[in-house]
Amino acid sequence: YINSEGSSFVRSLPLITFAASAASQASDGMPLENF
């Protein structure tokens, strides 16, 4: 990043994301989900 005011920065950020989701349905038809 650079601007005309004289400021600048460099940002290098790695990121690992682990996501698990599951879904089901109750006997009355209500959807159920969580993660």
PDB file of all heavy atoms in Angstrom:
ATOM      1  N   TYR A   1       0.838  -1.198   0.000  1.00  0.00           N
ATOM      2  CA  TYR A   1       0.000   0.000   0.000  1.00  0.00           C
ATOM      3  C   TYR A   1       0.871   1.245   0.000  1.00  0.00           C
ATOM      4  O   TYR A   1       1.902   1.300   0.670  1.00  0.00           O
ATOM      5  CB  TYR A   1      -0.892   0.003   1.249  1.00  0.00           C
ATOM      6  CG  TYR A   1      -1.714   1.256   1.461  1.00  0.00           C
ATOM      7  CD1 TYR A   1      -3.036   1.324   1.035  1.00  0.00           C
ATOM      8  CD2 TYR A   1      -1.176   2.357   2.106  1.00  0.00           C
ATOM      9  CE1 TYR A   1      -3.793   2.465   1.232  1.00  0.00           C
ATOM     10  CE2 TYR A   1      -1.922   3.510   2.300  1.00  0.00           C
ATOM     11  CZ  TYR A   1      -3.227   3.562   1.868  1.00  0.00           C
ATOM     12  OH  TYR A   1      -3.974   4.694   2.060  1.00  0.00           O
ATOM     13  N   ILE A   2       0.460   2.276  -0.745  1.00  0.00           N
ATOM     14  CA  ILE A   2       1.167   3.553  -0.740  1.00  0.00           C
ATOM     15  C   ILE A   2       0.147   4.647  -0.979  1.00  0.00           C
ATOM     16  O   ILE A   2      -0.825   4.459  -1.729  1.00  0.00           O
ATOM     17  CB  ILE A   2       2.284   3.601  -1.816  1.00  0.00           C
ATOM     18  CG1 ILE A   2       3.106   4.868  -1.694  1.00  0.00           C
ATOM     19  CG2 ILE A   2       1.705   3.448  -3.212  1.00  0.00           C
ATOM     20  CD1 ILE A   2       4.363   4.871  -2.555  1.00  0.00           C
ATOM     21  N   ASN A   3       0.316   5.801  -0.316  1.00  0.00           N
ATOM     22  CA  ASN A   3      -0.550   6.939  -0.594  1.00  0.00           C
ATOM     23  C   ASN A   3       0.285   8.199  -0.785  1.00  0.00           C
ATOM     24  O   ASN A   3       1.496   8.212  -0.550  1.00  0.00           O
ATOM     25  CB  ASN A   3      -1.618   7.115   0.501  1.00  0.00           C
ATOM     26  CG  ASN A   3      -1.045   7.499   1.853  1.00  0.00           C
ATOM     27  OD1 ASN A   3       0.037   8.084   1.966  1.00  0.00           O
ATOM     28  ND2 ASN A   3      -1.779   7.169   2.909  1.00  0.00           N
ATOM     29  N   SER A   4      -0.376   9.268  -1.189  1.00  0.00           N
ATOM     30  CA  SER A   4       0.329  10.505  -1.532  1.00  0.00           C
ATOM     31  C   SER A   4       0.714  11.314  -0.302  1.00  0.00           C
ATOM     32  O   SER A   4       1.334  12.372  -0.424  1.00  0.00           O
ATOM     33  CB  SER A   4      -0.549  11.360  -2.462  1.00  0.00           C
ATOM     34  OG  SER A   4      -1.786  11.658  -1.835  1.00  0.00           O
ATOM     35  N   GLU A   5       0.347  10.849   0.882  1.00  0.00           N
ATOM     36  CA  GLU A   5       0.731  11.546   2.115  1.00  0.00           C
ATOM     37  C   GLU A   5       2.115  11.121   2.608  1.00  0.00           C
ATOM     38  O   GLU A   5       2.626  11.682   3.574  1.00  0.00           O
ATOM     39  CB  GLU A   5      -0.277  11.262   3.222  1.00  0.00           C
ATOM     40  CG  GLU A   5      -1.685  11.754   2.913  1.00  0.00           C
ATOM     41  CD  GLU A   5      -2.670  11.288   3.961  1.00  0.00           C
ATOM     42  OE1 GLU A   5      -2.676  10.085   4.271  1.00  0.00           O
ATOM     43  OE2 GLU A   5      -3.422  12.131   4.474  1.00  0.00           O
ATOM     44  N   GLY A   6       2.682  10.096   1.977  1.00  0.00           N
ATOM     45  CA  GLY A   6       3.988   9.609   2.403  1.00  0.00           C
ATOM     46  C   GLY A   6       3.926   8.347   3.227  1.00  0.00           C
ATOM     47  O   GLY A   6       4.942   7.869   3.730  1.00  0.00           O
ATOM     48  N   SER A   7       2.726   7.776   3.401  1.00  0.00           N
ATOM     49  CA  SER A   7       2.583   6.528   4.161  1.00  0.00           C
ATOM     50  C   SER A   7       2.680   5.323   3.241  1.00  0.00           C
ATOM     51  O   SER A   7       2.279   5.376   2.080  1.00  0.00           O
ATOM     52  CB  SER A   7       1.234   6.494   4.892  1.00  0.00           C
ATOM     53  OG  SER A   7       1.198   7.425   5.947  1.00  0.00           O
ATOM     54  N   SER A   8       3.203   4.250   3.783  1.00  0.00           N
ATOM     55  CA  SER A   8       3.258   2.999   3.041  1.00  0.00           C
ATOM     56  C   SER A   8       3.335   1.844   4.026  1.00  0.00           C
ATOM     57  O   SER A   8       3.782   2.005   5.162  1.00  0.00           O
ATOM     58  CB  SER A   8       4.471   2.955   2.105  1.00  0.00           C
ATOM     59  OG  SER A   8       5.673   2.989   2.854  1.00  0.00           O
ATOM     60  N   PHE A   9       2.844   0.707   3.592  1.00  0.00           N
ATOM     61  CA  PHE A   9       3.011  -0.501   4.399  1.00  0.00           C
ATOM     62  C   PHE A   9       3.034  -1.725   3.498  1.00  0.00           C
ATOM     63  O   PHE A   9       2.500  -1.712   2.383  1.00  0.00           O
ATOM     64  CB  PHE A   9       1.946  -0.633   5.492  1.00  0.00           C
ATOM     65  CG  PHE A   9       0.545  -0.899   5.009  1.00  0.00           C
ATOM     66  CD1 PHE A   9       0.136  -2.181   4.650  1.00  0.00           C
ATOM     67  CD2 PHE A   9      -0.392   0.122   4.963  1.00  0.00           C
ATOM     68  CE1 PHE A   9      -1.157  -2.435   4.232  1.00  0.00           C
ATOM     69  CE2 PHE A   9      -1.693  -0.122   4.551  1.00  0.00           C
ATOM     70  CZ  PHE A   9      -2.077  -1.401   4.183  1.00  0.00           C
ATOM     71  N   VAL A  10       3.681  -2.755   4.008  1.00  0.00           N
ATOM     72  CA  VAL A  10       3.695  -4.060   3.353  1.00  0.00           C
ATOM     73  C   VAL A  10       3.133  -5.059   4.346  1.00  0.00           C
ATOM     74  O   VAL A  10       3.535  -5.087   5.510  1.00  0.00           O
ATOM     75  CB  VAL A  10       5.118  -4.477   2.931  1.00  0.00           C
ATOM     76  CG1 VAL A  10       5.105  -5.893   2.365  1.00  0.00           C
ATOM     77  CG2 VAL A  10       5.666  -3.495   1.918  1.00  0.00           C
ATOM     78  N   ARG A  11       2.181  -5.855   3.897  1.00  0.00           N
ATOM     79  CA  ARG A  11       1.554  -6.836   4.783  1.00  0.00           C
ATOM     80  C   ARG A  11       1.507  -8.192   4.070  1.00  0.00           C
ATOM     81  O   ARG A  11       0.880  -8.324   3.018  1.00  0.00           O
ATOM     82  CB  ARG A  11       0.150  -6.395   5.170  1.00  0.00           C
ATOM     83  CG  ARG A  11      -0.572  -7.353   6.114  1.00  0.00           C
ATOM     84  CD  ARG A  11      -2.030  -6.961   6.299  1.00  0.00           C
ATOM     85  NE  ARG A  11      -2.155  -5.663   6.955  1.00  0.00           N
ATOM     86  CZ  ARG A  11      -3.125  -4.796   6.705  1.00  0.00           C
ATOM     87  NH1 ARG A  11      -4.013  -5.056   5.759  1.00  0.00           N
ATOM     88  NH2 ARG A  11      -3.188  -3.660   7.363  1.00  0.00           N
ATOM     89  N   SER A  12       2.191  -9.169   4.646  1.00  0.00           N
ATOM     90  CA  SER A  12       2.150 -10.536   4.115  1.00  0.00           C
ATOM     91  C   SER A  12       1.664 -11.453   5.228  1.00  0.00           C
ATOM     92  O   SER A  12       2.363 -11.640   6.230  1.00  0.00           O
ATOM     93  CB  SER A  12       3.537 -10.975   3.630  1.00  0.00           C
ATOM     94  OG  SER A  12       3.940 -10.211   2.527  1.00  0.00           O
ATOM     95  N   LEU A  13       0.469 -11.988   5.059  1.00  0.00           N
ATOM     96  CA  LEU A  13      -0.150 -12.793   6.118  1.00  0.00           C
ATOM     97  C   LEU A  13      -0.663 -14.114   5.559  1.00  0.00           C
ATOM     98  O   LEU A  13      -1.612 -14.134   4.763  1.00  0.00           O
ATOM     99  CB  LEU A  13      -1.311 -12.019   6.760  1.00  0.00           C
ATOM    100  CG  LEU A  13      -0.962 -10.721   7.494  1.00  0.00           C
ATOM    101  CD1 LEU A  13      -2.222 -10.052   8.006  1.00  0.00           C
ATOM    102  CD2 LEU A  13      -0.004 -11.001   8.634  1.00  0.00           C
ATOM    103  N   PRO A  14      -0.065 -15.224   5.958  1.00  0.00           N
ATOM    104  CA  PRO A  14      -0.622 -16.531   5.586  1.00  0.00           C
ATOM    105  C   PRO A  14      -1.792 -16.879   6.504  1.00  0.00           C
ATOM    106  O   PRO A  14      -1.888 -16.373   7.632  1.00  0.00           O
ATOM    107  CB  PRO A  14       0.559 -17.475   5.815  1.00  0.00           C
ATOM    108  CG  PRO A  14       1.342 -16.824   6.917  1.00  0.00           C
ATOM    109  CD  PRO A  14       1.185 -15.349   6.730  1.00  0.00           C
ATOM    110  N   LEU A  15      -2.679 -17.723   6.036  1.00  0.00           N
ATOM    111  CA  LEU A  15      -3.825 -18.136   6.847  1.00  0.00           C
ATOM    112  C   LEU A  15      -4.256 -19.547   6.466  1.00  0.00           C
ATOM    113  O   LEU A  15      -4.448 -19.848   5.286  1.00  0.00           O
ATOM    114  CB  LEU A  15      -5.001 -17.173   6.655  1.00  0.00           C
ATOM    115  CG  LEU A  15      -6.282 -17.507   7.426  1.00  0.00           C
ATOM    116  CD1 LEU A  15      -6.038 -17.439   8.934  1.00  0.00           C
ATOM    117  CD2 LEU A  15      -7.423 -16.590   7.025  1.00  0.00           C
ATOM    118  N   ILE A  16      -4.392 -20.395   7.486  1.00  0.00           N
ATOM    119  CA  ILE A  16      -4.934 -21.742   7.290  1.00  0.00           C
ATOM    120  C   ILE A  16      -6.315 -21.786   7.935  1.00  0.00           C
ATOM    121  O   ILE A  16      -6.486 -21.361   9.080  1.00  0.00           O
ATOM    122  CB  ILE A  16      -4.052 -22.812   7.952  1.00  0.00           C
ATOM    123  CG1 ILE A  16      -2.596 -22.657   7.534  1.00  0.00           C
ATOM    124  CG2 ILE A  16      -4.553 -24.213   7.627  1.00  0.00           C
ATOM    125  CD1 ILE A  16      -1.658 -23.562   8.312  1.00  0.00           C
ATOM    126  N   THR A  17      -7.283 -22.281   7.208  1.00  0.00           N
ATOM    127  CA  THR A  17      -8.638 -22.422   7.731  1.00  0.00           C
ATOM    128  C   THR A  17      -9.074 -23.875   7.606  1.00  0.00           C
ATOM    129  O   THR A  17      -8.964 -24.471   6.529  1.00  0.00           O
ATOM    130  CB  THR A  17      -9.632 -21.536   6.962  1.00  0.00           C
ATOM    131  OG1 THR A  17      -9.201 -20.180   7.032  1.00  0.00           O
ATOM    132  CG2 THR A  17     -11.024 -21.644   7.564  1.00  0.00           C
ATOM    133  N   PHE A  18      -9.528 -24.437   8.717  1.00  0.00           N
ATOM    134  CA  PHE A  18     -10.131 -25.771   8.702  1.00  0.00           C
ATOM    135  C   PHE A  18     -11.594 -25.614   9.068  1.00  0.00           C
ATOM    136  O   PHE A  18     -11.932 -25.014  10.100  1.00  0.00           O
ATOM    137  CB  PHE A  18      -9.454 -26.695   9.714  1.00  0.00           C
ATOM    138  CG  PHE A  18     -10.170 -28.010   9.901  1.00  0.00           C
ATOM    139  CD1 PHE A  18      -9.978 -29.050   9.008  1.00  0.00           C
ATOM    140  CD2 PHE A  18     -11.048 -28.201  10.964  1.00  0.00           C
ATOM    141  CE1 PHE A  18     -10.650 -30.256   9.162  1.00  0.00           C
ATOM    142  CE2 PHE A  18     -11.720 -29.392  11.132  1.00  0.00           C
ATOM    143  CZ  PHE A  18     -11.519 -30.429  10.229  1.00  0.00           C
ATOM    144  N   ALA A  19     -12.471 -26.110   8.214  1.00  0.00           N
ATOM    145  CA  ALA A  19     -13.907 -26.001   8.459  1.00  0.00           C
ATOM    146  C   ALA A  19     -14.576 -27.338   8.218  1.00  0.00           C
ATOM    147  O   ALA A  19     -14.297 -28.016   7.221  1.00  0.00           O
ATOM    148  CB  ALA A  19     -14.533 -24.933   7.559  1.00  0.00           C
ATOM    149  N   ALA A  20     -15.435 -27.723   9.142  1.00  0.00           N
ATOM    150  CA  ALA A  20     -16.217 -28.954   9.006  1.00  0.00           C
ATOM    151  C   ALA A  20     -17.661 -28.640   9.330  1.00  0.00           C
ATOM    152  O   ALA A  20     -17.953 -27.982  10.342  1.00  0.00           O
ATOM    153  CB  ALA A  20     -15.685 -30.026   9.954  1.00  0.00           C
ATOM    154  N   SER A  21     -18.561 -29.056   8.477  1.00  0.00           N
ATOM    155  CA  SER A  21     -19.980 -28.818   8.693  1.00  0.00           C
ATOM    156  C   SER A  21     -20.754 -30.110   8.504  1.00  0.00           C
ATOM    157  O   SER A  21     -20.327 -31.013   7.771  1.00  0.00           O
ATOM    158  CB  SER A  21     -20.510 -27.743   7.730  1.00  0.00           C
ATOM    159  OG  SER A  21     -20.372 -28.177   6.385  1.00  0.00           O
ATOM    160  N   ALA A  22     -21.877 -30.211   9.176  1.00  0.00           N
ATOM    161  CA  ALA A  22     -22.727 -31.394   9.077  1.00  0.00           C
ATOM    162  C   ALA A  22     -24.180 -30.962   9.181  1.00  0.00           C
ATOM    163  O   ALA A  22     -24.493 -29.932   9.796  1.00  0.00           O
ATOM    164  CB  ALA A  22     -22.383 -32.401  10.179  1.00  0.00           C
ATOM    165  N   ALA A  23     -25.051 -31.746   8.582  1.00  0.00           N
ATOM    166  CA  ALA A  23     -26.471 -31.411   8.588  1.00  0.00           C
ATOM    167  C   ALA A  23     -27.305 -32.674   8.703  1.00  0.00           C
ATOM    168  O   ALA A  23     -26.881 -33.772   8.295  1.00  0.00           O
ATOM    169  CB  ALA A  23     -26.854 -30.644   7.320  1.00  0.00           C
ATOM    170  N   SER A  24     -28.482 -32.520   9.267  1.00  0.00           N
ATOM    171  CA  SER A  24     -29.407 -33.634   9.425  1.00  0.00           C
ATOM    172  C   SER A  24     -30.822 -33.079   9.402  1.00  0.00           C
ATOM    173  O   SER A  24     -31.043 -31.910   9.044  1.00  0.00           O
ATOM    174  CB  SER A  24     -29.126 -34.381  10.742  1.00  0.00           C
ATOM    175  OG  SER A  24     -29.939 -35.523  10.839  1.00  0.00           O
ATOM    176  N   GLN A  25     -31.775 -33.924   9.806  1.00  0.00           N
ATOM    177  CA  GLN A  25     -33.172 -33.505   9.822  1.00  0.00           C
ATOM    178  C   GLN A  25     -33.885 -34.244  10.937  1.00  0.00           C
ATOM    179  O   GLN A  25     -33.732 -35.463  11.093  1.00  0.00           O
ATOM    180  CB  GLN A  25     -33.836 -33.804   8.475  1.00  0.00           C
ATOM    181  CG  GLN A  25     -35.205 -33.170   8.302  1.00  0.00           C
ATOM    182  CD  GLN A  25     -35.738 -33.379   6.888  1.00  0.00           C
ATOM    183  OE1 GLN A  25     -35.434 -34.388   6.246  1.00  0.00           O
ATOM    184  NE2 GLN A  25     -36.537 -32.444   6.407  1.00  0.00           N
ATOM    185  N   ALA A  26     -34.629 -33.510  11.741  1.00  0.00           N
ATOM    186  CA  ALA A  26     -35.383 -34.120  12.828  1.00  0.00           C
ATOM    187  C   ALA A  26     -36.579 -34.885  12.272  1.00  0.00           C
ATOM    188  O   ALA A  26     -36.943 -34.737  11.104  1.00  0.00           O
ATOM    189  CB  ALA A  26     -35.830 -33.056  13.817  1.00  0.00           C
ATOM    190  N   SER A  27     -37.198 -35.701  13.127  1.00  0.00           N
ATOM    191  CA  SER A  27     -38.320 -36.523  12.676  1.00  0.00           C
ATOM    192  C   SER A  27     -39.508 -35.689  12.217  1.00  0.00           C
ATOM    193  O   SER A  27     -40.315 -36.148  11.396  1.00  0.00           O
ATOM    194  CB  SER A  27     -38.764 -37.459  13.809  1.00  0.00           C
ATOM    195  OG  SER A  27     -39.099 -36.708  14.970  1.00  0.00           O
ATOM    196  N   ASP A  28     -39.619 -34.449  12.734  1.00  0.00           N
ATOM    197  CA  ASP A  28     -40.726 -33.588  12.315  1.00  0.00           C
ATOM    198  C   ASP A  28     -40.383 -32.742  11.095  1.00  0.00           C
ATOM    199  O   ASP A  28     -41.164 -31.885  10.686  1.00  0.00           O
ATOM    200  CB  ASP A  28     -41.153 -32.675  13.477  1.00  0.00           C
ATOM    201  CG  ASP A  28     -40.039 -31.749  13.927  1.00  0.00           C
ATOM    202  OD1 ASP A  28     -38.916 -31.906  13.415  1.00  0.00           O
ATOM    203  OD2 ASP A  28     -40.291 -30.886  14.777  1.00  0.00           O
ATOM    204  N   GLY A  29     -39.195 -32.963  10.519  1.00  0.00           N
ATOM    205  CA  GLY A  29     -38.797 -32.243   9.314  1.00  0.00           C
ATOM    206  C   GLY A  29     -37.932 -31.027   9.555  1.00  0.00           C
ATOM    207  O   GLY A  29     -37.461 -30.406   8.601  1.00  0.00           O
ATOM    208  N   MET A  30     -37.694 -30.668  10.820  1.00  0.00           N
ATOM    209  CA  MET A  30     -36.881 -29.489  11.098  1.00  0.00           C
ATOM    210  C   MET A  30     -35.441 -29.717  10.653  1.00  0.00           C
ATOM    211  O   MET A  30     -34.832 -30.703  11.046  1.00  0.00           O
ATOM    212  CB  MET A  30     -36.915 -29.149  12.593  1.00  0.00           C
ATOM    213  CG  MET A  30     -36.037 -27.943  12.960  1.00  0.00           C
ATOM    214  SD  MET A  30     -35.984 -27.629  14.744  1.00  0.00           S
ATOM    215  CE  MET A  30     -37.675 -27.089  15.020  1.00  0.00           C
ATOM    216  N   PRO A  31     -34.859 -28.817   9.837  1.00  0.00           N
ATOM    217  CA  PRO A  31     -33.456 -28.969   9.436  1.00  0.00           C
ATOM    218  C   PRO A  31     -32.523 -28.680  10.607  1.00  0.00           C
ATOM    219  O   PRO A  31     -32.751 -27.759  11.392  1.00  0.00           O
ATOM    220  CB  PRO A  31     -33.291 -27.934   8.324  1.00  0.00           C
ATOM    221  CG  PRO A  31     -34.367 -26.921   8.573  1.00  0.00           C
ATOM    222  CD  PRO A  31     -35.506 -27.662   9.199  1.00  0.00           C
ATOM    223  N   LEU A  32     -31.465 -29.466  10.715  1.00  0.00           N
ATOM    224  CA  LEU A  32     -30.472 -29.324  11.780  1.00  0.00           C
ATOM    225  C   LEU A  32     -29.098 -29.231  11.144  1.00  0.00           C
ATOM    226  O   LEU A  32     -28.762 -30.034  10.270  1.00  0.00           O
ATOM    227  CB  LEU A  32     -30.515 -30.522  12.734  1.00  0.00           C
ATOM    228  CG  LEU A  32     -31.867 -30.858  13.379  1.00  0.00           C
ATOM    229  CD1 LEU A  32     -31.784 -32.198  14.111  1.00  0.00           C
ATOM    230  CD2 LEU A  32     -32.274 -29.751  14.345  1.00  0.00           C
ATOM    231  N   GLU A  33     -28.298 -28.268  11.564  1.00  0.00           N
ATOM    232  CA  GLU A  33     -26.950 -28.140  11.030  1.00  0.00           C
ATOM    233  C   GLU A  33     -26.037 -27.493  12.058  1.00  0.00           C
ATOM    234  O   GLU A  33     -26.482 -26.761  12.939  1.00  0.00           O
ATOM    235  CB  GLU A  33     -26.947 -27.335   9.733  1.00  0.00           C
ATOM    236  CG  GLU A  33     -27.565 -25.958   9.820  1.00  0.00           C
ATOM    237  CD  GLU A  33     -27.600 -25.278   8.468  1.00  0.00           C
ATOM    238  OE1 GLU A  33     -26.560 -25.290   7.780  1.00  0.00           O
ATOM    239  OE2 GLU A  33     -28.661 -24.743   8.103  1.00  0.00           O
ATOM    240  N   ASN A  34     -24.747 -27.783  11.933  1.00  0.00           N
ATOM    241  CA  ASN A  34     -23.760 -27.223  12.835  1.00  0.00           C
ATOM    242  C   ASN A  34     -22.394 -27.286  12.150  1.00  0.00           C
ATOM    243  O   ASN A  34     -22.223 -27.987  11.145  1.00  0.00           O
ATOM    244  CB  ASN A  34     -23.733 -27.980  14.164  1.00  0.00           C
ATOM    245  CG  ASN A  34     -23.152 -27.146  15.290  1.00  0.00           C
ATOM    246  OD1 ASN A  34     -22.650 -26.035  15.074  1.00  0.00           O
ATOM    247  ND2 ASN A  34     -23.189 -27.669  16.503  1.00  0.00           N
ATOM    248  N   PHE A  35     -21.411 -26.556  12.697  1.00  0.00           N
ATOM    249  CA  PHE A  35     -20.082 -26.551  12.095  1.00  0.00           C
ATOM    250  C   PHE A  35     -19.047 -26.249  13.165  1.00  0.00           C
ATOM    251  O   PHE A  35     -19.355 -25.750  14.254  1.00  0.00           O
ATOM    252  CB  PHE A  35     -19.992 -25.496  10.986  1.00  0.00           C
ATOM    253  CG  PHE A  35     -19.866 -24.088  11.492  1.00  0.00           C
ATOM    254  CD1 PHE A  35     -18.625 -23.472  11.605  1.00  0.00           C
ATOM    255  CD2 PHE A  35     -20.992 -23.372  11.866  1.00  0.00           C
ATOM    256  CE1 PHE A  35     -18.513 -22.176  12.081  1.00  0.00           C
ATOM    257  CE2 PHE A  35     -20.887 -22.076  12.347  1.00  0.00           C
ATOM    258  CZ  PHE A  35     -19.644 -21.477  12.460  1.00  0.00           C
TER     259      PHE A  35
END
